[in-house]
Amino acid sequence: MKRDKVYLVLGGFHHPPISCVKEFKKLQVEKVAPSHCTGDLVREAFRKEYKENFIEYGVGKIIEIK
C-alpha cells in the first residue's frame, strides 16, 4: 500500500509519551507545530528533533502553507 507523506501535524497532543517524537519521524511527518497542552518536555523533544521544521504554535499564530 502506498502512503503519502504527512506535511504538517499541529495542535495540542495532550501530554503524549516522549516516544511519539520518534513515531512522527517514522511516519515521515515533515513539520510539527505542537501547542501548549503537548507539555514542555515533549515540545522541547520535538524542537530538538525537527529543528527548522518545528513551528512555534499557539493561539493567534498564522501559518502560511505555500
N, C-alpha and C. Protein backbone atom coordinates (compact mmCIF):
# COMPACT_ATOMS: atom_id res chain seq x y z
N MET A 1 0.84 -1.17 0.00
CA MET A 1 0.00 0.00 0.00
C MET A 1 0.89 1.24 0.00
N LYS A 2 0.62 2.17 -0.91
CA LYS A 2 1.38 3.41 -0.99
C LYS A 2 0.79 4.41 0.00
N ARG A 3 1.69 5.07 0.76
CA ARG A 3 1.26 6.10 1.69
C ARG A 3 1.89 7.42 1.29
N ASP A 4 1.09 8.46 1.35
CA ASP A 4 1.62 9.80 1.14
C ASP A 4 2.26 10.27 2.44
N LYS A 5 3.22 11.17 2.30
CA LYS A 5 3.84 11.75 3.48
C LYS A 5 2.89 12.76 4.11
N VAL A 6 3.02 12.93 5.41
CA VAL A 6 2.24 13.93 6.13
C VAL A 6 3.10 15.19 6.18
N TYR A 7 2.58 16.30 5.69
CA TYR A 7 3.35 17.54 5.65
C TYR A 7 3.44 18.20 7.02
N LEU A 8 2.30 18.34 7.72
CA LEU A 8 2.27 19.08 8.97
C LEU A 8 1.25 18.47 9.93
N VAL A 9 1.68 18.34 11.19
CA VAL A 9 0.74 17.98 12.26
C VAL A 9 0.81 19.12 13.26
N LEU A 10 -0.36 19.71 13.57
CA LEU A 10 -0.37 20.79 14.54
C LEU A 10 -1.51 20.65 15.50
N GLY A 11 -1.34 21.22 16.66
CA GLY A 11 -2.39 21.22 17.66
C GLY A 11 -1.88 20.74 19.00
N GLY A 12 -2.82 20.51 19.89
CA GLY A 12 -2.48 20.01 21.21
C GLY A 12 -2.45 18.49 21.20
N PHE A 13 -1.34 17.93 21.58
CA PHE A 13 -1.20 16.47 21.56
C PHE A 13 -1.52 15.86 22.92
N HIS A 14 -1.91 16.68 23.89
CA HIS A 14 -2.40 16.27 25.20
C HIS A 14 -1.48 15.31 25.95
N HIS A 15 -0.28 15.78 26.21
CA HIS A 15 0.73 15.08 27.03
C HIS A 15 1.02 13.65 26.57
N PRO A 16 1.47 13.49 25.34
CA PRO A 16 1.80 12.15 24.84
C PRO A 16 3.13 11.69 25.44
N PRO A 17 3.43 10.40 25.30
CA PRO A 17 4.77 9.95 25.72
C PRO A 17 5.82 10.54 24.79
N ILE A 18 7.02 10.72 25.30
CA ILE A 18 8.11 11.31 24.50
C ILE A 18 8.43 10.46 23.27
N SER A 19 8.10 9.18 23.32
CA SER A 19 8.35 8.28 22.19
C SER A 19 7.56 8.69 20.94
N CYS A 20 6.54 9.52 21.10
CA CYS A 20 5.75 9.94 19.93
C CYS A 20 6.60 10.75 18.95
N VAL A 21 7.66 11.38 19.43
CA VAL A 21 8.54 12.16 18.55
C VAL A 21 9.15 11.23 17.50
N LYS A 22 9.68 10.10 17.93
CA LYS A 22 10.28 9.12 17.01
C LYS A 22 9.21 8.50 16.10
N GLU A 23 8.02 8.31 16.64
CA GLU A 23 6.92 7.75 15.83
C GLU A 23 6.53 8.72 14.71
N PHE A 24 6.51 10.01 15.00
CA PHE A 24 6.22 11.01 13.97
C PHE A 24 7.28 10.92 12.87
N LYS A 25 8.54 10.78 13.25
CA LYS A 25 9.63 10.68 12.26
C LYS A 25 9.45 9.41 11.42
N LYS A 26 9.10 8.31 12.05
CA LYS A 26 8.86 7.05 11.31
C LYS A 26 7.74 7.22 10.29
N LEU A 27 6.73 8.00 10.66
CA LEU A 27 5.60 8.25 9.75
C LEU A 27 5.92 9.30 8.70
N GLN A 28 7.14 9.81 8.74
CA GLN A 28 7.63 10.82 7.80
C GLN A 28 6.85 12.13 7.86
N VAL A 29 6.44 12.50 9.08
CA VAL A 29 5.82 13.81 9.28
C VAL A 29 6.91 14.84 9.06
N GLU A 30 6.68 15.76 8.11
CA GLU A 30 7.72 16.72 7.73
C GLU A 30 7.87 17.87 8.73
N LYS A 31 6.74 18.42 9.19
CA LYS A 31 6.77 19.56 10.11
C LYS A 31 5.79 19.32 11.26
N VAL A 32 6.14 19.87 12.44
CA VAL A 32 5.26 19.76 13.59
C VAL A 32 5.06 21.13 14.23
N ALA A 33 3.88 21.31 14.79
CA ALA A 33 3.56 22.54 15.49
C ALA A 33 2.72 22.18 16.72
N PRO A 34 3.36 21.63 17.75
CA PRO A 34 2.61 21.25 18.95
C PRO A 34 2.28 22.47 19.81
N SER A 35 1.07 22.52 20.34
CA SER A 35 0.70 23.65 21.20
C SER A 35 0.97 23.31 22.67
N HIS A 36 0.59 24.24 23.54
CA HIS A 36 0.97 24.16 24.95
C HIS A 36 0.55 22.87 25.65
N CYS A 37 -0.60 22.31 25.33
CA CYS A 37 -1.06 21.13 26.07
C CYS A 37 -0.32 19.85 25.67
N THR A 38 0.64 19.99 24.78
CA THR A 38 1.52 18.86 24.46
C THR A 38 2.46 18.61 25.63
N GLY A 39 2.78 19.65 26.36
CA GLY A 39 3.68 19.55 27.51
C GLY A 39 5.08 20.03 27.13
N ASP A 40 5.73 20.71 28.05
CA ASP A 40 7.04 21.31 27.77
C ASP A 40 8.10 20.30 27.38
N LEU A 41 8.16 19.17 28.08
CA LEU A 41 9.19 18.17 27.82
C LEU A 41 9.09 17.62 26.38
N VAL A 42 7.89 17.29 25.97
CA VAL A 42 7.69 16.72 24.63
C VAL A 42 7.84 17.81 23.57
N ARG A 43 7.37 19.02 23.85
CA ARG A 43 7.57 20.13 22.89
C ARG A 43 9.06 20.36 22.64
N GLU A 44 9.86 20.32 23.68
CA GLU A 44 11.30 20.52 23.52
C GLU A 44 11.94 19.36 22.76
N ALA A 45 11.45 18.15 22.96
CA ALA A 45 11.95 16.99 22.21
C ALA A 45 11.62 17.15 20.72
N PHE A 46 10.41 17.63 20.42
CA PHE A 46 10.05 17.91 19.02
C PHE A 46 10.96 19.00 18.45
N ARG A 47 11.20 20.05 19.22
CA ARG A 47 12.05 21.16 18.76
C ARG A 47 13.45 20.64 18.42
N LYS A 48 14.00 19.81 19.28
CA LYS A 48 15.34 19.27 19.09
C LYS A 48 15.41 18.35 17.86
N GLU A 49 14.41 17.50 17.70
CA GLU A 49 14.39 16.52 16.61
C GLU A 49 14.07 17.17 15.26
N TYR A 50 13.15 18.13 15.25
CA TYR A 50 12.67 18.70 13.99
C TYR A 50 13.41 19.97 13.55
N LYS A 51 14.16 20.57 14.46
CA LYS A 51 14.97 21.76 14.16
C LYS A 51 14.18 22.81 13.39
N GLU A 52 14.56 23.13 12.15
CA GLU A 52 13.88 24.18 11.38
C GLU A 52 12.47 23.78 10.96
N ASN A 53 12.10 22.52 11.11
CA ASN A 53 10.76 22.06 10.78
C ASN A 53 9.84 22.01 11.99
N PHE A 54 10.30 22.59 13.11
CA PHE A 54 9.47 22.79 14.30
C PHE A 54 8.88 24.18 14.19
N ILE A 55 7.57 24.29 14.32
CA ILE A 55 6.89 25.58 14.23
C ILE A 55 6.35 25.94 15.60
N GLU A 56 6.76 27.11 16.10
CA GLU A 56 6.22 27.61 17.36
C GLU A 56 4.76 27.95 17.11
N TYR A 57 3.88 27.36 17.90
CA TYR A 57 2.45 27.46 17.59
C TYR A 57 1.66 27.78 18.84
N GLY A 58 0.62 28.57 18.68
CA GLY A 58 -0.29 28.89 19.77
C GLY A 58 -1.43 29.73 19.25
N VAL A 59 -2.28 30.16 20.16
CA VAL A 59 -3.45 30.95 19.81
C VAL A 59 -3.03 32.21 19.06
N GLY A 60 -3.68 32.45 17.94
CA GLY A 60 -3.42 33.65 17.14
C GLY A 60 -2.29 33.52 16.14
N LYS A 61 -1.58 32.41 16.15
CA LYS A 61 -0.46 32.20 15.22
C LYS A 61 -1.03 31.91 13.84
N ILE A 62 -0.47 32.58 12.84
CA ILE A 62 -0.86 32.34 11.45
C ILE A 62 0.26 31.53 10.80
N ILE A 63 -0.11 30.43 10.19
CA ILE A 63 0.86 29.58 9.49
C ILE A 63 0.48 29.57 8.02
N GLU A 64 1.37 30.06 7.18
CA GLU A 64 1.14 30.06 5.73
C GLU A 64 1.73 28.79 5.13
N ILE A 65 0.94 28.10 4.34
CA ILE A 65 1.41 26.92 3.62
C ILE A 65 1.39 27.26 2.15
N LYS A 66 2.57 27.19 1.53
CA LYS A 66 2.66 27.56 0.12
C LYS A 66 2.98 26.36 -0.72
